[in-house]
Amino acid sequence: MRLPSFQHSDSPSRGQQDFPLARRLIACALLCQSLAACAVATPLGEGIDAQPTGSILAPPPQGAAASHLPATLDEEDRRRVLGALAIALDPQGNGASVRWDNPVSKAHGQIAPIGLAYPSKDLICRKFSARFDSPAGARLEEGSACRDKSAEWKIAELKPAKAAPALLREAVLSPK
């Protein structure tokens, strides 16, 4: 069944058929153009402040604390050493030595705090001794680390130990 048409002629003119299609094409073109404008990237020019604000954290310096560690340690070894260092040097901790190991690289060691924590340049610092056992050999070192306001320990210095502390001497004599 065909519905009655209210137009004056039985067939619409060519212009009347194309008008809805043309309107759709124009609307689609405008939409595409407006969406494309959202994707335009403008580079920062000179004189623009690129300093991170309080809501954007600056990236941590690469290897700042880990740069003092022996070169024979891989990235995962260094991560484990720094974790043990944070636990061992915690001023509210029990002052006991902390062991670390990496079963993949077969590296292991021990961090022992020396003395109490002390203030230095608005930081909390503490001396420590460390033993690093890797496939390349064993090393006894001593140094100091300081904790910044973000509670992250950063190694200030690390050098070969003059005399092995008792806790680390025991570790040398007794196998793991």
C-alpha atoms as a PDB file:
ATOM      1  CA  MET A   1       0.000   0.000   0.000  1.00  0.00           C
ATOM      2  CA  ARG A   2       1.359   3.376  -0.962  1.00  0.00           C
ATOM      3  CA  LEU A   3       0.838   6.483   1.159  1.00  0.00           C
ATOM      4  CA  PRO A   4      -0.449   9.606  -0.519  1.00  0.00           C
ATOM      5  CA  SER A   5       2.123  12.272  -1.345  1.00  0.00           C
ATOM      6  CA  PHE A   6       1.455  15.917  -0.532  1.00  0.00           C
ATOM      7  CA  GLN A   7       3.747  17.304  -3.201  1.00  0.00           C
ATOM      8  CA  HIS A   8       2.457  19.186  -6.229  1.00  0.00           C
ATOM      9  CA  SER A   9       4.046  16.810  -8.680  1.00  0.00           C
ATOM     10  CA  ASP A  10       4.405  13.059  -8.543  1.00  0.00           C
ATOM     11  CA  SER A  11       8.218  13.083  -8.760  1.00  0.00           C
ATOM     12  CA  PRO A  12      10.392  15.543  -6.812  1.00  0.00           C
ATOM     13  CA  SER A  13      12.834  17.650  -8.773  1.00  0.00           C
ATOM     14  CA  ARG A  14      16.533  16.759  -8.875  1.00  0.00           C
ATOM     15  CA  GLY A  15      17.476  19.676  -6.567  1.00  0.00           C
ATOM     16  CA  GLN A  16      15.006  18.631  -3.902  1.00  0.00           C
ATOM     17  CA  GLN A  17      16.443  15.084  -3.781  1.00  0.00           C
ATOM     18  CA  ASP A  18      20.079  16.230  -3.417  1.00  0.00           C
ATOM     19  CA  PHE A  19      19.496  18.842  -0.720  1.00  0.00           C
ATOM     20  CA  PRO A  20      19.285  16.395   2.275  1.00  0.00           C
ATOM     21  CA  LEU A  21      22.393  14.584   0.993  1.00  0.00           C
ATOM     22  CA  ALA A  22      24.330  17.831   0.565  1.00  0.00           C
ATOM     23  CA  ARG A  23      23.335  18.933   4.062  1.00  0.00           C
ATOM     24  CA  ARG A  24      24.641  15.643   5.503  1.00  0.00           C
ATOM     25  CA  LEU A  25      27.942  15.963   3.631  1.00  0.00           C
ATOM     26  CA  ILE A  26      28.458  19.529   4.850  1.00  0.00           C
ATOM     27  CA  ALA A  27      27.659  18.519   8.439  1.00  0.00           C
ATOM     28  CA  CYS A  28      30.098  15.594   8.204  1.00  0.00           C
ATOM     29  CA  ALA A  29      32.854  17.832   6.793  1.00  0.00           C
ATOM     30  CA  LEU A  30      32.384  20.380   9.596  1.00  0.00           C
ATOM     31  CA  LEU A  31      32.469  17.648  12.220  1.00  0.00           C
ATOM     32  CA  CYS A  32      35.665  16.144  10.787  1.00  0.00           C
ATOM     33  CA  GLN A  33      37.307  19.559  10.615  1.00  0.00           C
ATOM     34  CA  SER A  34      36.447  20.389  14.222  1.00  0.00           C
ATOM     35  CA  LEU A  35      37.729  17.024  15.443  1.00  0.00           C
ATOM     36  CA  ALA A  36      40.955  17.435  13.480  1.00  0.00           C
ATOM     37  CA  ALA A  37      41.547  20.791  15.175  1.00  0.00           C
ATOM     38  CA  CYS A  38      41.622  19.001  18.533  1.00  0.00           C
ATOM     39  CA  ALA A  39      44.566  16.877  17.394  1.00  0.00           C
ATOM     40  CA  VAL A  40      46.863  19.730  16.385  1.00  0.00           C
ATOM     41  CA  ALA A  41      49.988  19.767  18.562  1.00  0.00           C
ATOM     42  CA  THR A  42      51.741  23.060  19.083  1.00  0.00           C
ATOM     43  CA  PRO A  43      55.393  22.922  20.148  1.00  0.00           C
ATOM     44  CA  LEU A  44      56.501  24.942  23.132  1.00  0.00           C
ATOM     45  CA  GLY A  45      58.342  28.019  21.982  1.00  0.00           C
ATOM     46  CA  GLU A  46      61.269  29.717  23.616  1.00  0.00           C
ATOM     47  CA  GLY A  47      60.515  31.500  26.836  1.00  0.00           C
ATOM     48  CA  ILE A  48      57.962  28.911  27.955  1.00  0.00           C
ATOM     49  CA  ASP A  49      58.520  27.708  31.513  1.00  0.00           C
ATOM     50  CA  ALA A  50      59.047  23.934  31.369  1.00  0.00           C
ATOM     51  CA  GLN A  51      59.628  23.607  35.132  1.00  0.00           C
ATOM     52  CA  PRO A  52      57.299  20.978  36.678  1.00  0.00           C
ATOM     53  CA  THR A  53      54.691  22.327  39.074  1.00  0.00           C
ATOM     54  CA  GLY A  54      53.450  20.766  42.284  1.00  0.00           C
ATOM     55  CA  SER A  55      50.972  18.550  40.468  1.00  0.00           C
ATOM     56  CA  ILE A  56      53.553  17.173  38.032  1.00  0.00           C
ATOM     57  CA  LEU A  57      56.421  15.231  39.510  1.00  0.00           C
ATOM     58  CA  ALA A  58      59.842  15.758  38.006  1.00  0.00           C
ATOM     59  CA  PRO A  59      61.388  12.504  36.802  1.00  0.00           C
ATOM     60  CA  PRO A  60      63.875  11.076  39.290  1.00  0.00           C
ATOM     61  CA  PRO A  61      67.502  11.495  38.326  1.00  0.00           C
ATOM     62  CA  GLN A  62      68.626   8.321  36.609  1.00  0.00           C
ATOM     63  CA  GLY A  63      70.979   6.324  38.799  1.00  0.00           C
ATOM     64  CA  ALA A  64      71.696   9.108  41.301  1.00  0.00           C
ATOM     65  CA  ALA A  65      71.826   6.768  44.308  1.00  0.00           C
ATOM     66  CA  ALA A  66      72.775   3.682  42.362  1.00  0.00           C
ATOM     67  CA  SER A  67      75.743   5.313  40.608  1.00  0.00           C
ATOM     68  CA  HIS A  68      77.958   4.696  43.659  1.00  0.00           C
ATOM     69  CA  LEU A  69      77.228   0.956  43.652  1.00  0.00           C
ATOM     70  CA  PRO A  70      79.682  -1.528  42.106  1.00  0.00           C
ATOM     71  CA  ALA A  71      79.494  -1.776  38.322  1.00  0.00           C
ATOM     72  CA  THR A  72      79.232  -5.575  38.549  1.00  0.00           C
ATOM     73  CA  LEU A  73      75.647  -5.269  39.872  1.00  0.00           C
ATOM     74  CA  ASP A  74      72.814  -5.261  37.334  1.00  0.00           C
ATOM     75  CA  GLU A  75      69.709  -3.060  37.518  1.00  0.00           C
ATOM     76  CA  GLU A  76      67.704  -5.535  39.614  1.00  0.00           C
ATOM     77  CA  ASP A  77      70.657  -6.038  41.997  1.00  0.00           C
ATOM     78  CA  ARG A  78      70.858  -2.262  42.471  1.00  0.00           C
ATOM     79  CA  ARG A  79      67.126  -2.037  43.153  1.00  0.00           C
ATOM     80  CA  ARG A  80      67.420  -4.737  45.810  1.00  0.00           C
ATOM     81  CA  VAL A  81      70.496  -3.105  47.379  1.00  0.00           C
ATOM     82  CA  LEU A  82      68.708   0.244  47.650  1.00  0.00           C
ATOM     83  CA  GLY A  83      65.684  -1.462  49.229  1.00  0.00           C
ATOM     84  CA  ALA A  84      67.885  -3.163  51.829  1.00  0.00           C
ATOM     85  CA  LEU A  85      69.707   0.136  52.414  1.00  0.00           C
ATOM     86  CA  ALA A  86      66.423   1.926  53.180  1.00  0.00           C
ATOM     87  CA  ILE A  87      65.437  -0.744  55.712  1.00  0.00           C
ATOM     88  CA  ALA A  88      68.867  -0.961  57.364  1.00  0.00           C
ATOM     89  CA  LEU A  89      69.371   2.798  57.716  1.00  0.00           C
ATOM     90  CA  ASP A  90      65.889   3.665  58.947  1.00  0.00           C
ATOM     91  CA  PRO A  91      66.534   5.754  62.102  1.00  0.00           C
ATOM     92  CA  GLN A  92      63.490   4.212  63.786  1.00  0.00           C
ATOM     93  CA  GLY A  93      64.583   0.675  62.918  1.00  0.00           C
ATOM     94  CA  ASN A  94      66.415  -1.756  65.193  1.00  0.00           C
ATOM     95  CA  GLY A  95      69.867  -1.066  63.718  1.00  0.00           C
ATOM     96  CA  ALA A  96      70.338  -4.655  62.539  1.00  0.00           C
ATOM     97  CA  SER A  97      71.993  -5.563  59.264  1.00  0.00           C
ATOM     98  CA  VAL A  98      69.778  -6.398  56.292  1.00  0.00           C
ATOM     99  CA  ARG A  99      70.553  -9.078  53.709  1.00  0.00           C
ATOM    100  CA  TRP A 100      69.622  -8.832  50.050  1.00  0.00           C
ATOM    101  CA  ASP A 101      69.858 -11.315  47.214  1.00  0.00           C
ATOM    102  CA  ASN A 102      68.912 -11.749  43.576  1.00  0.00           C
ATOM    103  CA  PRO A 103      68.386 -15.418  42.670  1.00  0.00           C
ATOM    104  CA  VAL A 104      68.498 -14.601  38.947  1.00  0.00           C
ATOM    105  CA  SER A 105      71.962 -12.981  38.897  1.00  0.00           C
ATOM    106  CA  LYS A 106      73.227 -14.971  41.923  1.00  0.00           C
ATOM    107  CA  ALA A 107      74.353 -11.675  43.498  1.00  0.00           C
ATOM    108  CA  HIS A 108      73.743 -11.130  47.200  1.00  0.00           C
ATOM    109  CA  GLY A 109      75.029  -9.079  50.080  1.00  0.00           C
ATOM    110  CA  GLN A 110      74.374  -7.325  53.328  1.00  0.00           C
ATOM    111  CA  ILE A 111      73.971  -3.729  54.553  1.00  0.00           C
ATOM    112  CA  ALA A 112      74.821  -2.865  58.182  1.00  0.00           C
ATOM    113  CA  PRO A 113      74.259   0.564  59.736  1.00  0.00           C
ATOM    114  CA  ILE A 114      77.199   2.075  61.609  1.00  0.00           C
ATOM    115  CA  GLY A 115      76.318   4.348  64.503  1.00  0.00           C
ATOM    116  CA  LEU A 116      73.237   6.494  64.847  1.00  0.00           C
ATOM    117  CA  ALA A 117      71.578   8.767  62.316  1.00  0.00           C
ATOM    118  CA  TYR A 118      72.767  12.380  62.298  1.00  0.00           C
ATOM    119  CA  PRO A 119      71.542  15.619  60.689  1.00  0.00           C
ATOM    120  CA  SER A 120      73.505  17.139  57.805  1.00  0.00           C
ATOM    121  CA  LYS A 121      72.345  20.050  55.603  1.00  0.00           C
ATOM    122  CA  ASP A 122      68.654  19.557  56.481  1.00  0.00           C
ATOM    123  CA  LEU A 123      68.915  15.808  55.731  1.00  0.00           C
ATOM    124  CA  ILE A 124      69.036  12.712  57.936  1.00  0.00           C
ATOM    125  CA  CYS A 125      72.267  10.807  57.248  1.00  0.00           C
ATOM    126  CA  ARG A 126      73.772   7.565  58.455  1.00  0.00           C
ATOM    127  CA  LYS A 127      77.005   5.673  57.876  1.00  0.00           C
ATOM    128  CA  PHE A 128      76.900   2.041  56.786  1.00  0.00           C
ATOM    129  CA  SER A 129      79.028  -0.860  55.679  1.00  0.00           C
ATOM    130  CA  ALA A 130      78.100  -3.116  52.806  1.00  0.00           C
ATOM    131  CA  ARG A 131      79.089  -6.452  51.374  1.00  0.00           C
ATOM    132  CA  PHE A 132      78.489  -7.187  47.696  1.00  0.00           C
ATOM    133  CA  ASP A 133      78.893 -10.757  46.428  1.00  0.00           C
ATOM    134  CA  SER A 134      78.514 -11.216  42.682  1.00  0.00           C
ATOM    135  CA  PRO A 135      79.882 -13.727  40.183  1.00  0.00           C
ATOM    136  CA  ALA A 136      82.721 -11.211  39.648  1.00  0.00           C
ATOM    137  CA  GLY A 137      83.792 -11.481  43.320  1.00  0.00           C
ATOM    138  CA  ALA A 138      83.155 -10.095  46.789  1.00  0.00           C
ATOM    139  CA  ARG A 139      83.613  -6.493  47.907  1.00  0.00           C
ATOM    140  CA  LEU A 140      83.438  -4.884  51.324  1.00  0.00           C
ATOM    141  CA  GLU A 141      82.616  -1.190  51.234  1.00  0.00           C
ATOM    142  CA  GLU A 142      81.631   1.541  53.642  1.00  0.00           C
ATOM    143  CA  GLY A 143      79.936   4.823  53.069  1.00  0.00           C
ATOM    144  CA  SER A 144      77.171   7.159  54.049  1.00  0.00           C
ATOM    145  CA  ALA A 145      73.704   7.856  52.766  1.00  0.00           C
ATOM    146  CA  CYS A 146      71.228  10.644  53.410  1.00  0.00           C
ATOM    147  CA  ARG A 147      67.443  10.632  53.354  1.00  0.00           C
ATOM    148  CA  ASP A 148      65.748  13.556  51.654  1.00  0.00           C
ATOM    149  CA  LYS A 149      62.310  15.020  52.343  1.00  0.00           C
ATOM    150  CA  SER A 150      60.682  12.411  50.097  1.00  0.00           C
ATOM    151  CA  ALA A 151      62.064   9.719  52.474  1.00  0.00           C
ATOM    152  CA  GLU A 152      64.339   8.309  49.754  1.00  0.00           C
ATOM    153  CA  TRP A 153      67.875   7.336  50.754  1.00  0.00           C
ATOM    154  CA  LYS A 154      70.636   8.536  48.438  1.00  0.00           C
ATOM    155  CA  ILE A 155      74.187   7.244  48.747  1.00  0.00           C
ATOM    156  CA  ALA A 156      76.496  10.184  49.409  1.00  0.00           C
ATOM    157  CA  GLU A 157      79.727   8.168  49.277  1.00  0.00           C
ATOM    158  CA  LEU A 158      80.837   4.561  48.998  1.00  0.00           C
ATOM    159  CA  LYS A 159      84.448   3.416  49.133  1.00  0.00           C
ATOM    160  CA  PRO A 160      86.383   0.222  49.893  1.00  0.00           C
ATOM    161  CA  ALA A 161      86.260  -0.630  53.601  1.00  0.00           C
ATOM    162  CA  LYS A 162      89.438  -0.178  55.638  1.00  0.00           C
ATOM    163  CA  ALA A 163      88.448  -2.810  58.188  1.00  0.00           C
ATOM    164  CA  ALA A 164      85.490  -5.136  57.896  1.00  0.00           C
ATOM    165  CA  PRO A 165      82.932  -4.642  60.682  1.00  0.00           C
ATOM    166  CA  ALA A 166      82.190  -7.703  62.803  1.00  0.00           C
ATOM    167  CA  LEU A 167      78.776  -8.346  61.247  1.00  0.00           C
ATOM    168  CA  LEU A 168      80.193  -8.349  57.752  1.00  0.00           C
ATOM    169  CA  ARG A 169      83.291 -10.361  58.704  1.00  0.00           C
ATOM    170  CA  GLU A 170      80.950 -13.102  59.904  1.00  0.00           C
ATOM    171  CA  ALA A 171      79.174 -12.984  56.556  1.00  0.00           C
ATOM    172  CA  VAL A 172      82.517 -13.443  54.797  1.00  0.00           C
ATOM    173  CA  LEU A 173      83.422 -16.463  56.906  1.00  0.00           C
ATOM    174  CA  SER A 174      80.044 -18.178  56.884  1.00  0.00           C
ATOM    175  CA  PRO A 175      78.613 -19.200  53.506  1.00  0.00           C
ATOM    176  CA  LYS A 176      75.085 -18.171  52.644  1.00  0.00           C
END
